[in-house]
Amino acid sequence: MIKKCLFPVAGYGTRFLPATKSMPKEMLPVVNKPLVQYGVEEAIEAGMNTISFVTGRGKRSIADHFDISYELEHQIAGTSKEVYLGSIRNVLEQGVFTMVRQREMKGLGHAILTGEPLIGSEPFGVVLSDDLCLNEDGPGVLAQMAELYSQFRCSIVAIQEVPMEEAHKYGVIKAEELKDGLYRVDDMVEKPPQGEAPSNLAIIGRYILTPDIFDIIRATPPGKNGEVQITDALLTQAKKGCVMAYKFKGRRFDCGSVTGFVEATNYVFENVYADPA
């Protein structure tokens, strides 16, 4: 039912400097695959074959990655190394890729609004590549959420429990639990002051949004840090109608931090990676 997925990838990646001075953080490899490719594969698995990037200056390599490299293809054609292109070839065969530039960094809400011309008036997924989500025992997080959307037809955010002392680092929800792992959102706060979070249920980088969110974002004033927060827009949507929160099945790694990135790399190498040679 949901065919499009939006990837806000315009951030500077300052926590990974100097590596990200000339290389997008989304292109940092977790073992042998760029971080953003994991998210794209998750979206395609969920049936979201139109992949839309909201990029910025210095992000050309993302567009190049999701395109054919004729010189490389020619050089390794027919050799034992050709097998290493298998995963990206599968992505290119299944996906359609579009992109638009976000000229100024004005928050996640603004980035999503920048992607409106690529999405149009239909529901869509959002993936923040900083969050690497893996579920080896079943469908990925977006596929799980898409199944829920087919039942509820409203915006859905992915959540996980975090220690209360870390809740101030996240958008946090207050919600009524409808059944195990599924909540109806009553309130949400972006990075609440330490000790003042309404719960330990933190929003992570997976969303399914209904298209009315664009008009809501347009009417949302800048919030935390002077940025347009998607959390504020979703709270408006929740009060006008319904926003669901889903405690997903699988593991999430915060690859926006060096510690989380190393944890993800070690986990993928030990549990997921298989040398195609």
C-alpha atoms as a PDB file:
ATOM      1  CA  MET A   1       0.000   0.000   0.000  1.00  0.00           C
ATOM      2  CA  ILE A   2       2.920   2.344   0.731  1.00  0.00           C
ATOM      3  CA  LYS A   3       5.220   2.755  -2.253  1.00  0.00           C
ATOM      4  CA  LYS A   4       7.528   5.627  -1.284  1.00  0.00           C
ATOM      5  CA  CYS A   5      10.151   6.123   1.391  1.00  0.00           C
ATOM      6  CA  LEU A   6      11.915   9.370   2.258  1.00  0.00           C
ATOM      7  CA  PHE A   7      15.529   9.497   3.433  1.00  0.00           C
ATOM      8  CA  PRO A   8      16.648  12.793   5.020  1.00  0.00           C
ATOM      9  CA  VAL A   9      20.403  12.653   4.390  1.00  0.00           C
ATOM     10  CA  ALA A  10      21.447  16.308   4.375  1.00  0.00           C
ATOM     11  CA  GLY A  11      23.092  16.413   7.826  1.00  0.00           C
ATOM     12  CA  TYR A  12      26.750  17.230   8.364  1.00  0.00           C
ATOM     13  CA  GLY A  13      27.718  14.207  10.490  1.00  0.00           C
ATOM     14  CA  THR A  14      29.872  16.330  12.791  1.00  0.00           C
ATOM     15  CA  ARG A  15      30.307  13.560  15.382  1.00  0.00           C
ATOM     16  CA  PHE A  16      32.345  11.621  12.822  1.00  0.00           C
ATOM     17  CA  LEU A  17      34.730  14.395  11.820  1.00  0.00           C
ATOM     18  CA  PRO A  18      37.219  14.402  10.231  1.00  0.00           C
ATOM     19  CA  ALA A  19      35.953  11.336   8.299  1.00  0.00           C
ATOM     20  CA  THR A  20      32.779  13.185   7.288  1.00  0.00           C
ATOM     21  CA  LYS A  21      34.554  16.337   6.107  1.00  0.00           C
ATOM     22  CA  SER A  22      34.328  15.108   2.522  1.00  0.00           C
ATOM     23  CA  MET A  23      32.332  11.889   2.911  1.00  0.00           C
ATOM     24  CA  PRO A  24      28.631  11.707   3.854  1.00  0.00           C
ATOM     25  CA  LYS A  25      28.123   9.938   7.175  1.00  0.00           C
ATOM     26  CA  GLU A  26      25.413   7.869   5.458  1.00  0.00           C
ATOM     27  CA  MET A  27      28.128   6.362   3.249  1.00  0.00           C
ATOM     28  CA  LEU A  28      30.242   5.141   6.166  1.00  0.00           C
ATOM     29  CA  PRO A  29      30.480   1.360   5.784  1.00  0.00           C
ATOM     30  CA  VAL A  30      29.127  -1.073   8.341  1.00  0.00           C
ATOM     31  CA  VAL A  31      31.519  -3.877   7.386  1.00  0.00           C
ATOM     32  CA  ASN A  32      31.201  -3.843   3.561  1.00  0.00           C
ATOM     33  CA  LYS A  33      27.985  -1.908   2.963  1.00  0.00           C
ATOM     34  CA  PRO A  34      27.188   1.810   3.378  1.00  0.00           C
ATOM     35  CA  LEU A  35      24.883   2.629   6.252  1.00  0.00           C
ATOM     36  CA  VAL A  36      22.278   4.156   3.932  1.00  0.00           C
ATOM     37  CA  GLN A  37      22.067   0.965   1.849  1.00  0.00           C
ATOM     38  CA  TYR A  38      20.846  -0.989   4.867  1.00  0.00           C
ATOM     39  CA  GLY A  39      17.953   1.449   5.183  1.00  0.00           C
ATOM     40  CA  VAL A  40      17.169   1.325   1.466  1.00  0.00           C
ATOM     41  CA  GLU A  41      17.091  -2.478   1.554  1.00  0.00           C
ATOM     42  CA  GLU A  42      14.726  -2.316   4.527  1.00  0.00           C
ATOM     43  CA  ALA A  43      12.405   0.034   2.631  1.00  0.00           C
ATOM     44  CA  ILE A  44      12.393  -2.146  -0.489  1.00  0.00           C
ATOM     45  CA  GLU A  45      11.636  -5.210   1.630  1.00  0.00           C
ATOM     46  CA  ALA A  46       8.583  -3.328   2.918  1.00  0.00           C
ATOM     47  CA  GLY A  47       7.374  -2.702  -0.652  1.00  0.00           C
ATOM     48  CA  MET A  48       8.559   0.928  -0.724  1.00  0.00           C
ATOM     49  CA  ASN A  49      10.391   0.808  -4.035  1.00  0.00           C
ATOM     50  CA  THR A  50      10.470   4.555  -4.743  1.00  0.00           C
ATOM     51  CA  ILE A  51      13.353   5.882  -2.669  1.00  0.00           C
ATOM     52  CA  SER A  52      13.536   9.651  -2.255  1.00  0.00           C
ATOM     53  CA  PHE A  53      16.587  11.379  -0.794  1.00  0.00           C
ATOM     54  CA  VAL A  54      16.593  14.843   0.756  1.00  0.00           C
ATOM     55  CA  THR A  55      20.261  15.668   0.250  1.00  0.00           C
ATOM     56  CA  GLY A  56      22.566  18.614   0.753  1.00  0.00           C
ATOM     57  CA  ARG A  57      25.889  19.945  -0.502  1.00  0.00           C
ATOM     58  CA  GLY A  58      28.679  17.378  -0.532  1.00  0.00           C
ATOM     59  CA  LYS A  59      26.333  14.406  -0.857  1.00  0.00           C
ATOM     60  CA  ARG A  60      26.986  13.482  -4.479  1.00  0.00           C
ATOM     61  CA  SER A  61      28.387  10.084  -3.537  1.00  0.00           C
ATOM     62  CA  ILE A  62      24.947   8.933  -2.328  1.00  0.00           C
ATOM     63  CA  ALA A  63      23.493   9.529  -5.787  1.00  0.00           C
ATOM     64  CA  ASP A  64      26.530   7.848  -7.356  1.00  0.00           C
ATOM     65  CA  HIS A  65      26.184   4.805  -5.106  1.00  0.00           C
ATOM     66  CA  PHE A  66      22.622   4.191  -6.257  1.00  0.00           C
ATOM     67  CA  ASP A  67      23.602   4.310  -9.912  1.00  0.00           C
ATOM     68  CA  ILE A  68      25.584   2.106 -12.280  1.00  0.00           C
ATOM     69  CA  SER A  69      29.353   2.552 -12.361  1.00  0.00           C
ATOM     70  CA  TYR A  70      30.120   1.556 -15.939  1.00  0.00           C
ATOM     71  CA  GLU A  71      33.887   1.689 -15.502  1.00  0.00           C
ATOM     72  CA  LEU A  72      33.817  -0.538 -12.421  1.00  0.00           C
ATOM     73  CA  GLU A  73      31.337  -2.943 -13.998  1.00  0.00           C
ATOM     74  CA  HIS A  74      33.568  -3.241 -17.048  1.00  0.00           C
ATOM     75  CA  GLN A  75      36.758  -3.767 -15.055  1.00  0.00           C
ATOM     76  CA  ILE A  76      35.481  -6.634 -12.895  1.00  0.00           C
ATOM     77  CA  ALA A  77      33.012  -8.254 -15.311  1.00  0.00           C
ATOM     78  CA  GLY A  78      33.614 -11.979 -15.464  1.00  0.00           C
ATOM     79  CA  THR A  79      36.074 -11.989 -12.548  1.00  0.00           C
ATOM     80  CA  SER A  80      35.721 -13.490  -9.084  1.00  0.00           C
ATOM     81  CA  LYS A  81      35.205  -9.967  -7.697  1.00  0.00           C
ATOM     82  CA  GLU A  82      31.949  -9.430  -9.576  1.00  0.00           C
ATOM     83  CA  VAL A  83      30.032 -11.218  -6.823  1.00  0.00           C
ATOM     84  CA  TYR A  84      30.706  -8.291  -4.476  1.00  0.00           C
ATOM     85  CA  LEU A  85      28.342  -6.119  -6.525  1.00  0.00           C
ATOM     86  CA  GLY A  86      25.425  -8.483  -5.918  1.00  0.00           C
ATOM     87  CA  SER A  87      23.659  -6.595  -3.120  1.00  0.00           C
ATOM     88  CA  ILE A  88      23.772  -3.164  -4.772  1.00  0.00           C
ATOM     89  CA  ARG A  89      22.702  -4.629  -8.122  1.00  0.00           C
ATOM     90  CA  ASN A  90      19.634  -6.106  -6.415  1.00  0.00           C
ATOM     91  CA  VAL A  91      18.804  -2.698  -4.947  1.00  0.00           C
ATOM     92  CA  LEU A  92      19.207  -0.931  -8.295  1.00  0.00           C
ATOM     93  CA  GLU A  93      17.007  -3.474 -10.052  1.00  0.00           C
ATOM     94  CA  GLN A  94      14.187  -3.105  -7.539  1.00  0.00           C
ATOM     95  CA  GLY A  95      14.305   0.589  -6.675  1.00  0.00           C
ATOM     96  CA  VAL A  96      13.561   3.923  -8.322  1.00  0.00           C
ATOM     97  CA  PHE A  97      15.638   6.795  -6.919  1.00  0.00           C
ATOM     98  CA  THR A  98      14.785  10.485  -6.749  1.00  0.00           C
ATOM     99  CA  MET A  99      16.314  13.367  -4.818  1.00  0.00           C
ATOM    100  CA  VAL A 100      15.944  16.993  -3.856  1.00  0.00           C
ATOM    101  CA  ARG A 101      18.284  19.327  -1.976  1.00  0.00           C
ATOM    102  CA  GLN A 102      17.618  20.859   1.426  1.00  0.00           C
ATOM    103  CA  ARG A 103      19.367  24.222   1.156  1.00  0.00           C
ATOM    104  CA  GLU A 104      19.398  24.957   4.889  1.00  0.00           C
ATOM    105  CA  MET A 105      19.469  22.641   7.902  1.00  0.00           C
ATOM    106  CA  LYS A 106      16.279  23.618   9.739  1.00  0.00           C
ATOM    107  CA  GLY A 107      15.399  20.376  11.472  1.00  0.00           C
ATOM    108  CA  LEU A 108      13.876  17.027  10.597  1.00  0.00           C
ATOM    109  CA  GLY A 109      10.422  18.511  10.083  1.00  0.00           C
ATOM    110  CA  HIS A 110      11.815  20.929   7.506  1.00  0.00           C
ATOM    111  CA  ALA A 111      13.736  18.116   5.789  1.00  0.00           C
ATOM    112  CA  ILE A 112      10.566  16.057   5.458  1.00  0.00           C
ATOM    113  CA  LEU A 113       8.665  19.069   4.116  1.00  0.00           C
ATOM    114  CA  THR A 114      11.452  19.601   1.560  1.00  0.00           C
ATOM    115  CA  GLY A 115      10.682  16.113   0.264  1.00  0.00           C
ATOM    116  CA  GLU A 116       7.017  16.879  -0.399  1.00  0.00           C
ATOM    117  CA  PRO A 117       7.444  17.313  -4.212  1.00  0.00           C
ATOM    118  CA  LEU A 118       8.883  13.787  -4.351  1.00  0.00           C
ATOM    119  CA  ILE A 119       6.139  12.227  -2.245  1.00  0.00           C
ATOM    120  CA  GLY A 120       2.929  13.942  -3.315  1.00  0.00           C
ATOM    121  CA  SER A 121      -0.398  13.144  -1.659  1.00  0.00           C
ATOM    122  CA  GLU A 122       0.158   9.588  -0.479  1.00  0.00           C
ATOM    123  CA  PRO A 123       1.371   7.898   2.712  1.00  0.00           C
ATOM    124  CA  PHE A 124       5.105   7.301   2.921  1.00  0.00           C
ATOM    125  CA  GLY A 125       7.843   5.876   5.057  1.00  0.00           C
ATOM    126  CA  VAL A 126      10.742   7.814   6.568  1.00  0.00           C
ATOM    127  CA  VAL A 127      14.098   6.267   7.421  1.00  0.00           C
ATOM    128  CA  LEU A 128      16.833   7.994   9.384  1.00  0.00           C
ATOM    129  CA  SER A 129      19.980   6.178   8.337  1.00  0.00           C
ATOM    130  CA  ASP A 130      21.657   6.911  11.683  1.00  0.00           C
ATOM    131  CA  ASP A 131      19.453   4.188  13.146  1.00  0.00           C
ATOM    132  CA  LEU A 132      20.472   0.779  11.831  1.00  0.00           C
ATOM    133  CA  CYS A 133      17.618  -1.656  12.497  1.00  0.00           C
ATOM    134  CA  LEU A 134      18.052  -5.388  12.029  1.00  0.00           C
ATOM    135  CA  ASN A 135      15.623  -8.247  12.562  1.00  0.00           C
ATOM    136  CA  GLU A 136      17.092 -11.604  11.676  1.00  0.00           C
ATOM    137  CA  ASP A 137      14.008 -13.511  12.861  1.00  0.00           C
ATOM    138  CA  GLY A 138      11.410 -11.875  10.632  1.00  0.00           C
ATOM    139  CA  PRO A 139      10.511  -8.824   8.550  1.00  0.00           C
ATOM    140  CA  GLY A 140      12.310  -5.521   9.008  1.00  0.00           C
ATOM    141  CA  VAL A 141      10.947  -2.646  11.038  1.00  0.00           C
ATOM    142  CA  LEU A 142       9.374  -0.805   8.082  1.00  0.00           C
ATOM    143  CA  ALA A 143       7.646  -3.972   6.894  1.00  0.00           C
ATOM    144  CA  GLN A 144       6.244  -4.461  10.392  1.00  0.00           C
ATOM    145  CA  MET A 145       4.982  -0.873  10.422  1.00  0.00           C
ATOM    146  CA  ALA A 146       3.514  -1.114   6.916  1.00  0.00           C
ATOM    147  CA  GLU A 147       1.447  -4.077   8.067  1.00  0.00           C
ATOM    148  CA  LEU A 148       0.110  -1.972  10.947  1.00  0.00           C
ATOM    149  CA  TYR A 149      -0.663   0.903   8.577  1.00  0.00           C
ATOM    150  CA  SER A 150      -2.878  -1.397   6.524  1.00  0.00           C
ATOM    151  CA  GLN A 151      -4.999  -1.817   9.668  1.00  0.00           C
ATOM    152  CA  PHE A 152      -5.006   1.681  11.178  1.00  0.00           C
ATOM    153  CA  ARG A 153      -4.391   4.075   8.227  1.00  0.00           C
ATOM    154  CA  CYS A 154      -2.697   6.707  10.401  1.00  0.00           C
ATOM    155  CA  SER A 155       0.822   7.931  11.101  1.00  0.00           C
ATOM    156  CA  ILE A 156       2.994   5.490  13.033  1.00  0.00           C
ATOM    157  CA  VAL A 157       6.284   6.043  14.861  1.00  0.00           C
ATOM    158  CA  ALA A 158       8.704   3.313  15.908  1.00  0.00           C
ATOM    159  CA  ILE A 159       9.653   3.324  19.580  1.00  0.00           C
ATOM    160  CA  GLN A 160      11.879   1.464  21.979  1.00  0.00           C
ATOM    161  CA  GLU A 161      12.378   1.515  25.718  1.00  0.00           C
ATOM    162  CA  VAL A 162      15.473   3.393  26.868  1.00  0.00           C
ATOM    163  CA  PRO A 163      16.869   4.000  30.364  1.00  0.00           C
ATOM    164  CA  MET A 164      15.100   6.982  31.942  1.00  0.00           C
ATOM    165  CA  GLU A 165      18.438   8.722  32.434  1.00  0.00           C
ATOM    166  CA  GLU A 166      18.887   8.719  28.637  1.00  0.00           C
ATOM    167  CA  ALA A 167      15.346   9.767  27.680  1.00  0.00           C
ATOM    168  CA  HIS A 168      16.411  13.410  27.364  1.00  0.00           C
ATOM    169  CA  LYS A 169      18.346  12.477  24.192  1.00  0.00           C
ATOM    170  CA  TYR A 170      15.198  11.438  22.278  1.00  0.00           C
ATOM    171  CA  GLY A 171      11.720  12.410  21.290  1.00  0.00           C
ATOM    172  CA  VAL A 172       9.608  10.694  23.967  1.00  0.00           C
ATOM    173  CA  ILE A 173       5.933   9.725  23.938  1.00  0.00           C
ATOM    174  CA  LYS A 174       3.184   9.481  26.511  1.00  0.00           C
ATOM    175  CA  ALA A 175       0.674   6.945  25.286  1.00  0.00           C
ATOM    176  CA  GLU A 176      -2.109   4.492  26.011  1.00  0.00           C
ATOM    177  CA  GLU A 177      -1.154   0.886  25.333  1.00  0.00           C
ATOM    178  CA  LEU A 178      -3.832  -0.717  23.159  1.00  0.00           C
ATOM    179  CA  LYS A 179      -2.188  -4.131  23.060  1.00  0.00           C
ATOM    180  CA  ASP A 180       1.270  -5.558  23.586  1.00  0.00           C
ATOM    181  CA  GLY A 181       3.752  -3.237  21.872  1.00  0.00           C
ATOM    182  CA  LEU A 182       1.150  -0.953  20.250  1.00  0.00           C
ATOM    183  CA  TYR A 183       0.227   2.456  21.661  1.00  0.00           C
ATOM    184  CA  ARG A 184      -2.019   5.399  20.855  1.00  0.00           C
ATOM    185  CA  VAL A 185      -0.046   8.611  21.360  1.00  0.00           C
ATOM    186  CA  ASP A 186      -1.438  11.218  23.756  1.00  0.00           C
ATOM    187  CA  ASP A 187       1.626  13.427  24.043  1.00  0.00           C
ATOM    188  CA  MET A 188       5.198  13.616  22.789  1.00  0.00           C
ATOM    189  CA  VAL A 189       8.140  15.821  23.679  1.00  0.00           C
ATOM    190  CA  GLU A 190      11.358  16.411  21.758  1.00  0.00           C
ATOM    191  CA  LYS A 191      14.400  15.910  24.016  1.00  0.00           C
ATOM    192  CA  PRO A 192      12.719  16.771  27.332  1.00  0.00           C
ATOM    193  CA  PRO A 193      14.832  18.194  30.167  1.00  0.00           C
ATOM    194  CA  GLN A 194      16.613  15.479  32.108  1.00  0.00           C
ATOM    195  CA  GLY A 195      14.271  13.955  34.660  1.00  0.00           C
ATOM    196  CA  GLU A 196      11.120  15.350  33.026  1.00  0.00           C
ATOM    197  CA  ALA A 197      10.415  12.776  30.303  1.00  0.00           C
ATOM    198  CA  PRO A 198       6.788  11.535  30.321  1.00  0.00           C
ATOM    199  CA  SER A 199       7.988   7.921  29.831  1.00  0.00           C
ATOM    200  CA  ASN A 200      10.977   5.899  28.700  1.00  0.00           C
ATOM    201  CA  LEU A 201       9.398   5.176  25.287  1.00  0.00           C
ATOM    202  CA  ALA A 202      11.720   6.866  22.814  1.00  0.00           C
ATOM    203  CA  ILE A 203      11.024   7.537  19.133  1.00  0.00           C
ATOM    204  CA  ILE A 204      13.660   6.105  16.799  1.00  0.00           C
ATOM    205  CA  GLY A 205      14.321   6.784  13.121  1.00  0.00           C
ATOM    206  CA  ARG A 206      11.433   4.942  11.470  1.00  0.00           C
ATOM    207  CA  TYR A 207       8.123   6.605  10.611  1.00  0.00           C
ATOM    208  CA  ILE A 208       5.099   6.059   8.441  1.00  0.00           C
ATOM    209  CA  LEU A 209       3.389   9.377   7.768  1.00  0.00           C
ATOM    210  CA  THR A 210       0.119  10.337   6.156  1.00  0.00           C
ATOM    211  CA  PRO A 211       0.332  13.168   3.585  1.00  0.00           C
ATOM    212  CA  ASP A 212      -1.579  15.693   5.706  1.00  0.00           C
ATOM    213  CA  ILE A 213       1.631  15.943   7.741  1.00  0.00           C
ATOM    214  CA  PHE A 214       3.008  18.368   5.129  1.00  0.00           C
ATOM    215  CA  ASP A 215       0.376  21.040   5.839  1.00  0.00           C
ATOM    216  CA  ILE A 216       0.842  20.485   9.560  1.00  0.00           C
ATOM    217  CA  ILE A 217       4.610  20.978   9.260  1.00  0.00           C
ATOM    218  CA  ARG A 218       4.043  24.176   7.271  1.00  0.00           C
ATOM    219  CA  ALA A 219       2.001  25.528  10.182  1.00  0.00           C
ATOM    220  CA  THR A 220       4.440  24.336  12.867  1.00  0.00           C
ATOM    221  CA  PRO A 221       6.691  27.057  14.321  1.00  0.00           C
ATOM    222  CA  PRO A 222      10.346  26.333  15.096  1.00  0.00           C
ATOM    223  CA  GLY A 223      10.752  24.511  18.391  1.00  0.00           C
ATOM    224  CA  LYS A 224      13.737  22.932  20.138  1.00  0.00           C
ATOM    225  CA  ASN A 225      17.033  24.549  19.007  1.00  0.00           C
ATOM    226  CA  GLY A 226      15.091  26.824  16.639  1.00  0.00           C
ATOM    227  CA  GLU A 227      14.386  23.897  14.312  1.00  0.00           C
ATOM    228  CA  VAL A 228      11.114  22.649  12.853  1.00  0.00           C
ATOM    229  CA  GLN A 229      10.592  19.401  14.764  1.00  0.00           C
ATOM    230  CA  ILE A 230       8.643  16.498  13.303  1.00  0.00           C
ATOM    231  CA  THR A 231       7.744  15.640  16.912  1.00  0.00           C
ATOM    232  CA  ASP A 232       5.785  18.901  17.231  1.00  0.00           C
ATOM    233  CA  ALA A 233       3.950  18.262  13.961  1.00  0.00           C
ATOM    234  CA  LEU A 234       3.103  14.699  14.977  1.00  0.00           C
ATOM    235  CA  LEU A 235       1.747  15.924  18.308  1.00  0.00           C
ATOM    236  CA  THR A 236      -0.623  18.235  16.418  1.00  0.00           C
ATOM    237  CA  GLN A 237      -1.638  15.303  14.228  1.00  0.00           C
ATOM    238  CA  ALA A 238      -2.204  13.121  17.297  1.00  0.00           C
ATOM    239  CA  LYS A 239      -4.464  15.721  18.913  1.00  0.00           C
ATOM    240  CA  LYS A 240      -6.477  16.203  15.710  1.00  0.00           C
ATOM    241  CA  GLY A 241      -6.764  12.533  14.867  1.00  0.00           C
ATOM    242  CA  CYS A 242      -4.527   9.608  15.637  1.00  0.00           C
ATOM    243  CA  VAL A 243      -0.844   8.713  15.790  1.00  0.00           C
ATOM    244  CA  MET A 244       0.218   5.217  16.767  1.00  0.00           C
ATOM    245  CA  ALA A 245       3.518   4.123  18.308  1.00  0.00           C
ATOM    246  CA  TYR A 246       4.940   0.667  17.769  1.00  0.00           C
ATOM    247  CA  LYS A 247       7.544  -1.166  19.836  1.00  0.00           C
ATOM    248  CA  PHE A 248       9.214  -2.984  16.970  1.00  0.00           C
ATOM    249  CA  LYS A 249      10.758  -6.436  16.839  1.00  0.00           C
ATOM    250  CA  GLY A 250      14.484  -6.465  16.184  1.00  0.00           C
ATOM    251  CA  ARG A 251      17.621  -4.600  17.214  1.00  0.00           C
ATOM    252  CA  ARG A 252      18.493  -0.964  16.733  1.00  0.00           C
ATOM    253  CA  PHE A 253      21.962   0.546  16.727  1.00  0.00           C
ATOM    254  CA  ASP A 254      22.549   4.282  17.117  1.00  0.00           C
ATOM    255  CA  CYS A 255      25.047   4.757  14.315  1.00  0.00           C
ATOM    256  CA  GLY A 256      24.918   8.510  14.808  1.00  0.00           C
ATOM    257  CA  SER A 257      27.357   7.962  17.656  1.00  0.00           C
ATOM    258  CA  VAL A 258      30.824   6.456  17.339  1.00  0.00           C
ATOM    259  CA  THR A 259      30.090   3.941  20.097  1.00  0.00           C
ATOM    260  CA  GLY A 260      26.869   2.766  18.422  1.00  0.00           C
ATOM    261  CA  PHE A 261      28.561   2.601  15.039  1.00  0.00           C
ATOM    262  CA  VAL A 262      31.304   0.344  16.400  1.00  0.00           C
ATOM    263  CA  GLU A 263      28.712  -1.848  18.141  1.00  0.00           C
ATOM    264  CA  ALA A 264      26.795  -2.168  14.872  1.00  0.00           C
ATOM    265  CA  THR A 265      29.917  -3.025  12.910  1.00  0.00           C
ATOM    266  CA  ASN A 266      30.916  -5.735  15.382  1.00  0.00           C
ATOM    267  CA  TYR A 267      27.386  -7.164  15.453  1.00  0.00           C
ATOM    268  CA  VAL A 268      27.001  -7.245  11.666  1.00  0.00           C
ATOM    269  CA  PHE A 269      30.419  -8.825  11.219  1.00  0.00           C
ATOM    270  CA  GLU A 270      29.702 -11.546  13.771  1.00  0.00           C
ATOM    271  CA  ASN A 271      26.035 -12.245  12.976  1.00  0.00           C
ATOM    272  CA  VAL A 272      25.092 -11.007   9.497  1.00  0.00           C
ATOM    273  CA  TYR A 273      28.115 -10.650   7.245  1.00  0.00           C
ATOM    274  CA  ALA A 274      28.976 -13.530   4.988  1.00  0.00           C
ATOM    275  CA  ASP A 275      31.974 -13.195   2.691  1.00  0.00           C
ATOM    276  CA  PRO A 276      30.554 -13.811  -0.812  1.00  0.00           C
ATOM    277  CA  ALA A 277      33.909 -15.164  -1.879  1.00  0.00           C
END
